Amino acid sequence: MRTCVGCRDRDLRSDLLRLVLAAADGVPAGEPRVVVDVRGSLSGRGAWIHPVLACLDLAVRRRAVPRALRAAGPLDLTAVRAYLEQQDR
């Protein structure tokens, strides 16, 4: 069981998406970016979220993703939003 950082409901691991910090390629100073860990095998601390835009919006409003990943400052979640929008099609 994992807790969604957006709606804070507990759910099975298979029903949630794992978000992790990954070093950005080609970016000076290796600024980390948030990526969707589809296979659940990337290393590092993860944040779990339901694969719906409503939960992502709640997580952004609550600033829950940086807190769950223990990252300093706000994080860019556009890649996660694009992934979820692609899944809705």
PDB file of N, CA and C in Angstrom:
ATOM      1  N   MET A   1       0.839  -1.187   0.000  1.00  0.00           N
ATOM      2  CA  MET A   1       0.000   0.000   0.000  1.00  0.00           C
ATOM      3  C   MET A   1       0.879   1.243   0.000  1.00  0.00           C
ATOM      4  N   ARG A   2       0.486   2.208  -0.811  1.00  0.00           N
ATOM      5  CA  ARG A   2       1.179   3.484  -0.901  1.00  0.00           C
ATOM      6  C   ARG A   2       0.145   4.596  -0.787  1.00  0.00           C
ATOM      7  N   THR A   3       0.595   5.793  -0.448  1.00  0.00           N
ATOM      8  CA  THR A   3      -0.285   6.942  -0.316  1.00  0.00           C
ATOM      9  C   THR A   3      -0.047   7.917  -1.457  1.00  0.00           C
ATOM     10  N   CYS A   4      -1.110   8.330  -2.116  1.00  0.00           N
ATOM     11  CA  CYS A   4      -1.023   9.312  -3.193  1.00  0.00           C
ATOM     12  C   CYS A   4      -0.708  10.673  -2.574  1.00  0.00           C
ATOM     13  N   VAL A   5       0.319  11.365  -3.106  1.00  0.00           N
ATOM     14  CA  VAL A   5       0.695  12.666  -2.552  1.00  0.00           C
ATOM     15  C   VAL A   5      -0.302  13.746  -2.932  1.00  0.00           C
ATOM     16  N   GLY A   6      -1.193  13.463  -3.876  1.00  0.00           N
ATOM     17  CA  GLY A   6      -2.205  14.434  -4.264  1.00  0.00           C
ATOM     18  C   GLY A   6      -3.431  14.360  -3.376  1.00  0.00           C
ATOM     19  N   CYS A   7      -4.181  13.266  -3.486  1.00  0.00           N
ATOM     20  CA  CYS A   7      -5.434  13.128  -2.729  1.00  0.00           C
ATOM     21  C   CYS A   7      -5.241  12.513  -1.350  1.00  0.00           C
ATOM     22  N   ARG A   8      -4.066  11.956  -1.095  1.00  0.00           N
ATOM     23  CA  ARG A   8      -3.695  11.334   0.173  1.00  0.00           C
ATOM     24  C   ARG A   8      -4.472  10.067   0.494  1.00  0.00           C
ATOM     25  N   ASP A   9      -5.067   9.450  -0.526  1.00  0.00           N
ATOM     26  CA  ASP A   9      -5.728   8.156  -0.347  1.00  0.00           C
ATOM     27  C   ASP A   9      -4.694   7.051  -0.493  1.00  0.00           C
ATOM     28  N   ARG A  10      -4.881   5.985   0.271  1.00  0.00           N
ATOM     29  CA  ARG A  10      -3.993   4.838   0.173  1.00  0.00           C
ATOM     30  C   ARG A  10      -4.522   3.908  -0.906  1.00  0.00           C
ATOM     31  N   ASP A  11      -3.601   3.331  -1.678  1.00  0.00           N
ATOM     32  CA  ASP A  11      -3.991   2.449  -2.774  1.00  0.00           C
ATOM     33  C   ASP A  11      -2.873   1.448  -3.022  1.00  0.00           C
ATOM     34  N   LEU A  12      -3.159   0.470  -3.845  1.00  0.00           N
ATOM     35  CA  LEU A  12      -2.158  -0.517  -4.198  1.00  0.00           C
ATOM     36  C   LEU A  12      -1.056   0.123  -5.039  1.00  0.00           C
ATOM     37  N   ARG A  13       0.123  -0.397  -4.890  1.00  0.00           N
ATOM     38  CA  ARG A  13       1.277   0.099  -5.635  1.00  0.00           C
ATOM     39  C   ARG A  13       1.036   0.023  -7.142  1.00  0.00           C
ATOM     40  N   SER A  14       0.350  -1.005  -7.589  1.00  0.00           N
ATOM     41  CA  SER A  14       0.093  -1.195  -9.019  1.00  0.00           C
ATOM     42  C   SER A  14      -0.892  -0.169  -9.589  1.00  0.00           C
ATOM     43  N   ASP A  15      -1.644   0.506  -8.729  1.00  0.00           N
ATOM     44  CA  ASP A  15      -2.624   1.498  -9.180  1.00  0.00           C
ATOM     45  C   ASP A  15      -2.081   2.917  -9.165  1.00  0.00           C
ATOM     46  N   LEU A  16      -0.849   3.102  -8.712  1.00  0.00           N
ATOM     47  CA  LEU A  16      -0.252   4.432  -8.604  1.00  0.00           C
ATOM     48  C   LEU A  16       0.956   4.557  -9.521  1.00  0.00           C
ATOM     49  N   LEU A  17       1.327   5.804  -9.833  1.00  0.00           N
ATOM     50  CA  LEU A  17       2.549   6.096 -10.586  1.00  0.00           C
ATOM     51  C   LEU A  17       3.630   6.537  -9.612  1.00  0.00           C
ATOM     52  N   ARG A  18       4.848   6.115  -9.870  1.00  0.00           N
ATOM     53  CA  ARG A  18       5.973   6.523  -9.035  1.00  0.00           C
ATOM     54  C   ARG A  18       6.712   7.656  -9.728  1.00  0.00           C
ATOM     55  N   LEU A  19       6.961   8.730  -9.012  1.00  0.00           N
ATOM     56  CA  LEU A  19       7.714   9.871  -9.510  1.00  0.00           C
ATOM     57  C   LEU A  19       9.061   9.897  -8.807  1.00  0.00           C
ATOM     58  N   VAL A  20      10.130  10.138  -9.562  1.00  0.00           N
ATOM     59  CA  VAL A  20      11.477  10.200  -8.987  1.00  0.00           C
ATOM     60  C   VAL A  20      12.223  11.393  -9.571  1.00  0.00           C
ATOM     61  N   LEU A  21      13.285  11.793  -8.892  1.00  0.00           N
ATOM     62  CA  LEU A  21      14.171  12.828  -9.391  1.00  0.00           C
ATOM     63  C   LEU A  21      15.251  12.173 -10.231  1.00  0.00           C
ATOM     64  N   ALA A  22      15.492  12.735 -11.405  1.00  0.00           N
ATOM     65  CA  ALA A  22      16.551  12.238 -12.284  1.00  0.00           C
ATOM     66  C   ALA A  22      17.385  13.423 -12.725  1.00  0.00           C
ATOM     67  N   ALA A  23      18.682  13.229 -12.858  1.00  0.00           N
ATOM     68  CA  ALA A  23      19.555  14.306 -13.333  1.00  0.00           C
ATOM     69  C   ALA A  23      19.225  14.591 -14.790  1.00  0.00           C
ATOM     70  N   ALA A  24      19.057  15.865 -15.103  1.00  0.00           N
ATOM     71  CA  ALA A  24      18.726  16.262 -16.473  1.00  0.00           C
ATOM     72  C   ALA A  24      19.972  16.202 -17.349  1.00  0.00           C
ATOM     73  N   ASP A  25      19.835  15.639 -18.515  1.00  0.00           N
ATOM     74  CA  ASP A  25      20.952  15.546 -19.456  1.00  0.00           C
ATOM     75  C   ASP A  25      21.157  16.882 -20.151  1.00  0.00           C
ATOM     76  N   GLY A  26      22.397  17.316 -20.246  1.00  0.00           N
ATOM     77  CA  GLY A  26      22.720  18.528 -20.963  1.00  0.00           C
ATOM     78  C   GLY A  26      22.417  19.817 -20.234  1.00  0.00           C
ATOM     79  N   VAL A  27      21.968  19.721 -19.002  1.00  0.00           N
ATOM     80  CA  VAL A  27      21.660  20.920 -18.232  1.00  0.00           C
ATOM     81  C   VAL A  27      22.842  21.234 -17.331  1.00  0.00           C
ATOM     82  N   PRO A  28      23.316  22.475 -17.330  1.00  0.00           N
ATOM     83  CA  PRO A  28      24.438  22.812 -16.457  1.00  0.00           C
ATOM     84  C   PRO A  28      24.118  22.515 -14.997  1.00  0.00           C
ATOM     85  N   ALA A  29      25.102  22.075 -14.289  1.00  0.00           N
ATOM     86  CA  ALA A  29      25.012  21.753 -12.859  1.00  0.00           C
ATOM     87  C   ALA A  29      24.104  20.563 -12.584  1.00  0.00           C
ATOM     88  N   GLY A  30      23.662  19.858 -13.613  1.00  0.00           N
ATOM     89  CA  GLY A  30      22.861  18.650 -13.424  1.00  0.00           C
ATOM     90  C   GLY A  30      21.607  18.867 -12.614  1.00  0.00           C
ATOM     91  N   GLU A  31      20.871  19.930 -12.926  1.00  0.00           N
ATOM     92  CA  GLU A  31      19.640  20.232 -12.191  1.00  0.00           C
ATOM     93  C   GLU A  31      18.663  19.067 -12.325  1.00  0.00           C
ATOM     94  N   PRO A  32      18.135  18.557 -11.225  1.00  0.00           N
ATOM     95  CA  PRO A  32      17.253  17.388 -11.294  1.00  0.00           C
ATOM     96  C   PRO A  32      15.888  17.749 -11.871  1.00  0.00           C
ATOM     97  N   ARG A  33      15.241  16.746 -12.445  1.00  0.00           N
ATOM     98  CA  ARG A  33      13.893  16.919 -12.965  1.00  0.00           C
ATOM     99  C   ARG A  33      13.064  15.727 -12.504  1.00  0.00           C
ATOM    100  N   VAL A  34      11.780  15.910 -12.437  1.00  0.00           N
ATOM    101  CA  VAL A  34      10.880  14.848 -12.010  1.00  0.00           C
ATOM    102  C   VAL A  34      10.470  14.040 -13.237  1.00  0.00           C
ATOM    103  N   VAL A  35      10.613  12.732 -13.140  1.00  0.00           N
ATOM    104  CA  VAL A  35      10.213  11.833 -14.226  1.00  0.00           C
ATOM    105  C   VAL A  35       9.286  10.758 -13.674  1.00  0.00           C
ATOM    106  N   VAL A  36       8.484  10.189 -14.565  1.00  0.00           N
ATOM    107  CA  VAL A  36       7.586   9.096 -14.201  1.00  0.00           C
ATOM    108  C   VAL A  36       8.366   7.798 -14.309  1.00  0.00           C
ATOM    109  N   ASP A  37       8.394   7.039 -13.242  1.00  0.00           N
ATOM    110  CA  ASP A  37       9.070   5.741 -13.205  1.00  0.00           C
ATOM    111  C   ASP A  37       8.042   4.661 -13.536  1.00  0.00           C
ATOM    112  N   VAL A  38       7.831   4.442 -14.821  1.00  0.00           N
ATOM    113  CA  VAL A  38       6.789   3.523 -15.283  1.00  0.00           C
ATOM    114  C   VAL A  38       7.044   2.100 -14.801  1.00  0.00           C
ATOM    115  N   ARG A  39       8.266   1.656 -14.883  1.00  0.00           N
ATOM    116  CA  ARG A  39       8.598   0.284 -14.496  1.00  0.00           C
ATOM    117  C   ARG A  39       8.826   0.120 -12.993  1.00  0.00           C
ATOM    118  N   GLY A  40       8.977   1.218 -12.284  1.00  0.00           N
ATOM    119  CA  GLY A  40       9.191   1.145 -10.841  1.00  0.00           C
ATOM    120  C   GLY A  40      10.569   0.664 -10.460  1.00  0.00           C
ATOM    121  N   SER A  41      11.556   0.907 -11.327  1.00  0.00           N
ATOM    122  CA  SER A  41      12.885   0.368 -11.068  1.00  0.00           C
ATOM    123  C   SER A  41      13.983   1.426 -10.963  1.00  0.00           C
ATOM    124  N   LEU A  42      13.641   2.699 -11.118  1.00  0.00           N
ATOM    125  CA  LEU A  42      14.663   3.744 -10.999  1.00  0.00           C
ATOM    126  C   LEU A  42      15.083   3.890  -9.543  1.00  0.00           C
ATOM    127  N   SER A  43      16.338   4.228  -9.351  1.00  0.00           N
ATOM    128  CA  SER A  43      16.833   4.361  -7.984  1.00  0.00           C
ATOM    129  C   SER A  43      16.444   5.721  -7.411  1.00  0.00           C
ATOM    130  N   GLY A  44      16.433   5.794  -6.120  1.00  0.00           N
ATOM    131  CA  GLY A  44      16.141   7.047  -5.443  1.00  0.00           C
ATOM    132  C   GLY A  44      14.792   7.043  -4.764  1.00  0.00           C
ATOM    133  N   ARG A  45      14.568   8.091  -4.035  1.00  0.00           N
ATOM    134  CA  ARG A  45      13.325   8.261  -3.299  1.00  0.00           C
ATOM    135  C   ARG A  45      12.186   8.531  -4.273  1.00  0.00           C
ATOM    136  N   GLY A  46      11.042   7.975  -4.018  1.00  0.00           N
ATOM    137  CA  GLY A  46       9.900   8.128  -4.917  1.00  0.00           C
ATOM    138  C   GLY A  46       8.711   8.769  -4.244  1.00  0.00           C
ATOM    139  N   ALA A  47       7.880   9.395  -5.040  1.00  0.00           N
ATOM    140  CA  ALA A  47       6.595   9.929  -4.605  1.00  0.00           C
ATOM    141  C   ALA A  47       5.530   9.225  -5.444  1.00  0.00           C
ATOM    142  N   TRP A  48       4.438   8.861  -4.838  1.00  0.00           N
ATOM    143  CA  TRP A  48       3.401   8.088  -5.514  1.00  0.00           C
ATOM    144  C   TRP A  48       2.184   8.958  -5.760  1.00  0.00           C
ATOM    145  N   ILE A  49       1.567   8.775  -6.930  1.00  0.00           N
ATOM    146  CA  ILE A  49       0.409   9.588  -7.306  1.00  0.00           C
ATOM    147  C   ILE A  49      -0.520   8.755  -8.182  1.00  0.00           C
ATOM    148  N   HIS A  50      -1.833   8.998  -8.054  1.00  0.00           N
ATOM    149  CA  HIS A  50      -2.783   8.347  -8.950  1.00  0.00           C
ATOM    150  C   HIS A  50      -2.570   8.892 -10.359  1.00  0.00           C
ATOM    151  N   PRO A  51      -2.752   8.077 -11.379  1.00  0.00           N
ATOM    152  CA  PRO A  51      -2.497   8.524 -12.755  1.00  0.00           C
ATOM    153  C   PRO A  51      -3.627   9.367 -13.345  1.00  0.00           C
ATOM    154  N   VAL A  52      -4.048  10.388 -12.614  1.00  0.00           N
ATOM    155  CA  VAL A  52      -5.084  11.315 -13.084  1.00  0.00           C
ATOM    156  C   VAL A  52      -4.617  12.742 -12.830  1.00  0.00           C
ATOM    157  N   LEU A  53      -5.049  13.651 -13.685  1.00  0.00           N
ATOM    158  CA  LEU A  53      -4.626  15.046 -13.570  1.00  0.00           C
ATOM    159  C   LEU A  53      -5.145  15.707 -12.289  1.00  0.00           C
ATOM    160  N   ALA A  54      -6.283  15.265 -11.784  1.00  0.00           N
ATOM    161  CA  ALA A  54      -6.837  15.861 -10.566  1.00  0.00           C
ATOM    162  C   ALA A  54      -5.889  15.667  -9.380  1.00  0.00           C
ATOM    163  N   CYS A  55      -5.297  14.495  -9.258  1.00  0.00           N
ATOM    164  CA  CYS A  55      -4.352  14.239  -8.170  1.00  0.00           C
ATOM    165  C   CYS A  55      -3.071  15.036  -8.363  1.00  0.00           C
ATOM    166  N   LEU A  56      -2.622  15.199  -9.593  1.00  0.00           N
ATOM    167  CA  LEU A  56      -1.438  16.011  -9.849  1.00  0.00           C
ATOM    168  C   LEU A  56      -1.709  17.462  -9.488  1.00  0.00           C
ATOM    169  N   ASP A  57      -2.881  17.973  -9.836  1.00  0.00           N
ATOM    170  CA  ASP A  57      -3.234  19.350  -9.487  1.00  0.00           C
ATOM    171  C   ASP A  57      -3.270  19.549  -7.976  1.00  0.00           C
ATOM    172  N   LEU A  58      -3.820  18.587  -7.255  1.00  0.00           N
ATOM    173  CA  LEU A  58      -3.833  18.661  -5.787  1.00  0.00           C
ATOM    174  C   LEU A  58      -2.417  18.645  -5.221  1.00  0.00           C
ATOM    175  N   ALA A  59      -1.562  17.802  -5.781  1.00  0.00           N
ATOM    176  CA  ALA A  59      -0.185  17.712  -5.307  1.00  0.00           C
ATOM    177  C   ALA A  59       0.570  19.006  -5.568  1.00  0.00           C
ATOM    178  N   VAL A  60       0.327  19.636  -6.713  1.00  0.00           N
ATOM    179  CA  VAL A  60       0.973  20.913  -7.020  1.00  0.00           C
ATOM    180  C   VAL A  60       0.481  21.992  -6.059  1.00  0.00           C
ATOM    181  N   ARG A  61      -0.810  22.040  -5.833  1.00  0.00           N
ATOM    182  CA  ARG A  61      -1.377  23.055  -4.946  1.00  0.00           C
ATOM    183  C   ARG A  61      -0.862  22.900  -3.510  1.00  0.00           C
ATOM    184  N   ARG A  62      -0.681  21.670  -3.069  1.00  0.00           N
ATOM    185  CA  ARG A  62      -0.207  21.409  -1.707  1.00  0.00           C
ATOM    186  C   ARG A  62       1.316  21.413  -1.605  1.00  0.00           C
ATOM    187  N   ARG A  63       2.015  21.534  -2.753  1.00  0.00           N
ATOM    188  CA  ARG A  63       3.486  21.466  -2.805  1.00  0.00           C
ATOM    189  C   ARG A  63       3.987  20.149  -2.203  1.00  0.00           C
ATOM    190  N   ALA A  64       3.295  19.069  -2.537  1.00  0.00           N
ATOM    191  CA  ALA A  64       3.564  17.783  -1.909  1.00  0.00           C
ATOM    192  C   ALA A  64       4.697  17.007  -2.576  1.00  0.00           C
ATOM    193  N   VAL A  65       4.914  17.190  -3.868  1.00  0.00           N
ATOM    194  CA  VAL A  65       5.933  16.401  -4.565  1.00  0.00           C
ATOM    195  C   VAL A  65       7.342  16.748  -4.086  1.00  0.00           C
ATOM    196  N   PRO A  66       7.724  18.042  -4.027  1.00  0.00           N
ATOM    197  CA  PRO A  66       9.074  18.348  -3.510  1.00  0.00           C
ATOM    198  C   PRO A  66       9.269  17.870  -2.070  1.00  0.00           C
ATOM    199  N   ARG A  67       8.219  17.950  -1.281  1.00  0.00           N
ATOM    200  CA  ARG A  67       8.311  17.501   0.110  1.00  0.00           C
ATOM    201  C   ARG A  67       8.500  15.993   0.177  1.00  0.00           C
ATOM    202  N   ALA A  68       7.752  15.254  -0.630  1.00  0.00           N
ATOM    203  CA  ALA A  68       7.865  13.787  -0.625  1.00  0.00           C
ATOM    204  C   ALA A  68       9.224  13.324  -1.142  1.00  0.00           C
ATOM    205  N   LEU A  69       9.770  14.061  -2.112  1.00  0.00           N
ATOM    206  CA  LEU A  69      11.065  13.701  -2.670  1.00  0.00           C
ATOM    207  C   LEU A  69      12.223  14.314  -1.893  1.00  0.00           C
ATOM    208  N   ARG A  70      11.883  15.100  -0.890  1.00  0.00           N
ATOM    209  CA  ARG A  70      12.879  15.795  -0.059  1.00  0.00           C
ATOM    210  C   ARG A  70      13.814  16.647  -0.912  1.00  0.00           C
ATOM    211  N   ALA A  71      13.206  17.402  -1.806  1.00  0.00           N
ATOM    212  CA  ALA A  71      13.952  18.290  -2.696  1.00  0.00           C
ATOM    213  C   ALA A  71      13.801  19.728  -2.215  1.00  0.00           C
ATOM    214  N   ALA A  72      14.861  20.494  -2.348  1.00  0.00           N
ATOM    215  CA  ALA A  72      14.823  21.896  -1.962  1.00  0.00           C
ATOM    216  C   ALA A  72      14.229  22.712  -3.101  1.00  0.00           C
ATOM    217  N   GLY A  73      13.215  23.471  -2.798  1.00  0.00           N
ATOM    218  CA  GLY A  73      12.627  24.356  -3.796  1.00  0.00           C
ATOM    219  C   GLY A  73      11.588  23.680  -4.658  1.00  0.00           C
ATOM    220  N   PRO A  74      10.907  24.443  -5.487  1.00  0.00           N
ATOM    221  CA  PRO A  74       9.878  23.888  -6.372  1.00  0.00           C
ATOM    222  C   PRO A  74      10.489  23.050  -7.492  1.00  0.00           C
ATOM    223  N   LEU A  75       9.708  22.115  -7.980  1.00  0.00           N
ATOM    224  CA  LEU A  75      10.156  21.229  -9.062  1.00  0.00           C
ATOM    225  C   LEU A  75       9.269  21.413 -10.283  1.00  0.00           C
ATOM    226  N   ASP A  76       9.832  21.208 -11.450  1.00  0.00           N
ATOM    227  CA  ASP A  76       9.098  21.310 -12.704  1.00  0.00           C
ATOM    228  C   ASP A  76       8.387  19.977 -12.964  1.00  0.00           C
ATOM    229  N   LEU A  77       7.067  20.011 -13.020  1.00  0.00           N
ATOM    230  CA  LEU A  77       6.279  18.799 -13.208  1.00  0.00           C
ATOM    231  C   LEU A  77       5.645  18.728 -14.594  1.00  0.00           C
ATOM    232  N   THR A  78       6.169  19.483 -15.563  1.00  0.00           N
ATOM    233  CA  THR A  78       5.573  19.483 -16.897  1.00  0.00           C
ATOM    234  C   THR A  78       5.690  18.127 -17.585  1.00  0.00           C
ATOM    235  N   ALA A  79       6.773  17.397 -17.344  1.00  0.00           N
ATOM    236  CA  ALA A  79       6.925  16.068 -17.940  1.00  0.00           C
ATOM    237  C   ALA A  79       5.881  15.100 -17.387  1.00  0.00           C
ATOM    238  N   VAL A  80       5.579  15.228 -16.110  1.00  0.00           N
ATOM    239  CA  VAL A  80       4.559  14.368 -15.490  1.00  0.00           C
ATOM    240  C   VAL A  80       3.188  14.720 -16.051  1.00  0.00           C
ATOM    241  N   ARG A  81       2.888  16.022 -16.162  1.00  0.00           N
ATOM    242  CA  ARG A  81       1.607  16.464 -16.714  1.00  0.00           C
ATOM    243  C   ARG A  81       1.457  15.971 -18.166  1.00  0.00           C
ATOM    244  N   ALA A  82       2.514  16.073 -18.961  1.00  0.00           N
ATOM    245  CA  ALA A  82       2.462  15.611 -20.347  1.00  0.00           C
ATOM    246  C   ALA A  82       2.211  14.107 -20.412  1.00  0.00           C
ATOM    247  N   TYR A  83       2.837  13.349 -19.529  1.00  0.00           N
ATOM    248  CA  TYR A  83       2.643  11.905 -19.485  1.00  0.00           C
ATOM    249  C   TYR A  83       1.184  11.581 -19.169  1.00  0.00           C
ATOM    250  N   LEU A  84       0.606  12.255 -18.183  1.00  0.00           N
ATOM    251  CA  LEU A  84      -0.778  11.990 -17.793  1.00  0.00           C
ATOM    252  C   LEU A  84      -1.748  12.404 -18.888  1.00  0.00           C
ATOM    253  N   GLU A  85      -1.485  13.522 -19.552  1.00  0.00           N
ATOM    254  CA  GLU A  85      -2.358  13.952 -20.647  1.00  0.00           C
ATOM    255  C   GLU A  85      -2.293  12.963 -21.805  1.00  0.00           C
ATOM    256  N   GLN A  86      -1.132  12.398 -22.050  1.00  0.00           N
ATOM    257  CA  GLN A  86      -0.976  11.410 -23.110  1.00  0.00           C
ATOM    258  C   GLN A  86      -1.757  10.132 -22.764  1.00  0.00           C
ATOM    259  N   GLN A  87      -1.777   9.761 -21.503  1.00  0.00           N
ATOM    260  CA  GLN A  87      -2.487   8.561 -21.077  1.00  0.00           C
ATOM    261  C   GLN A  87      -3.991   8.726 -21.164  1.00  0.00           C
ATOM    262  N   ASP A  88      -4.490   9.966 -21.052  1.00  0.00           N
ATOM    263  CA  ASP A  88      -5.935  10.222 -21.127  1.00  0.00           C
ATOM    264  C   ASP A  88      -6.489  10.055 -22.536  1.00  0.00           C
ATOM    265  N   ARG A  89      -5.646  10.136 -23.528  1.00  0.00           N
ATOM    266  CA  ARG A  89      -6.114  10.031 -24.926  1.00  0.00           C
ATOM    267  C   ARG A  89      -6.517   8.646 -25.294  1.00  0.00           C
TER     268      ARG A  89
END
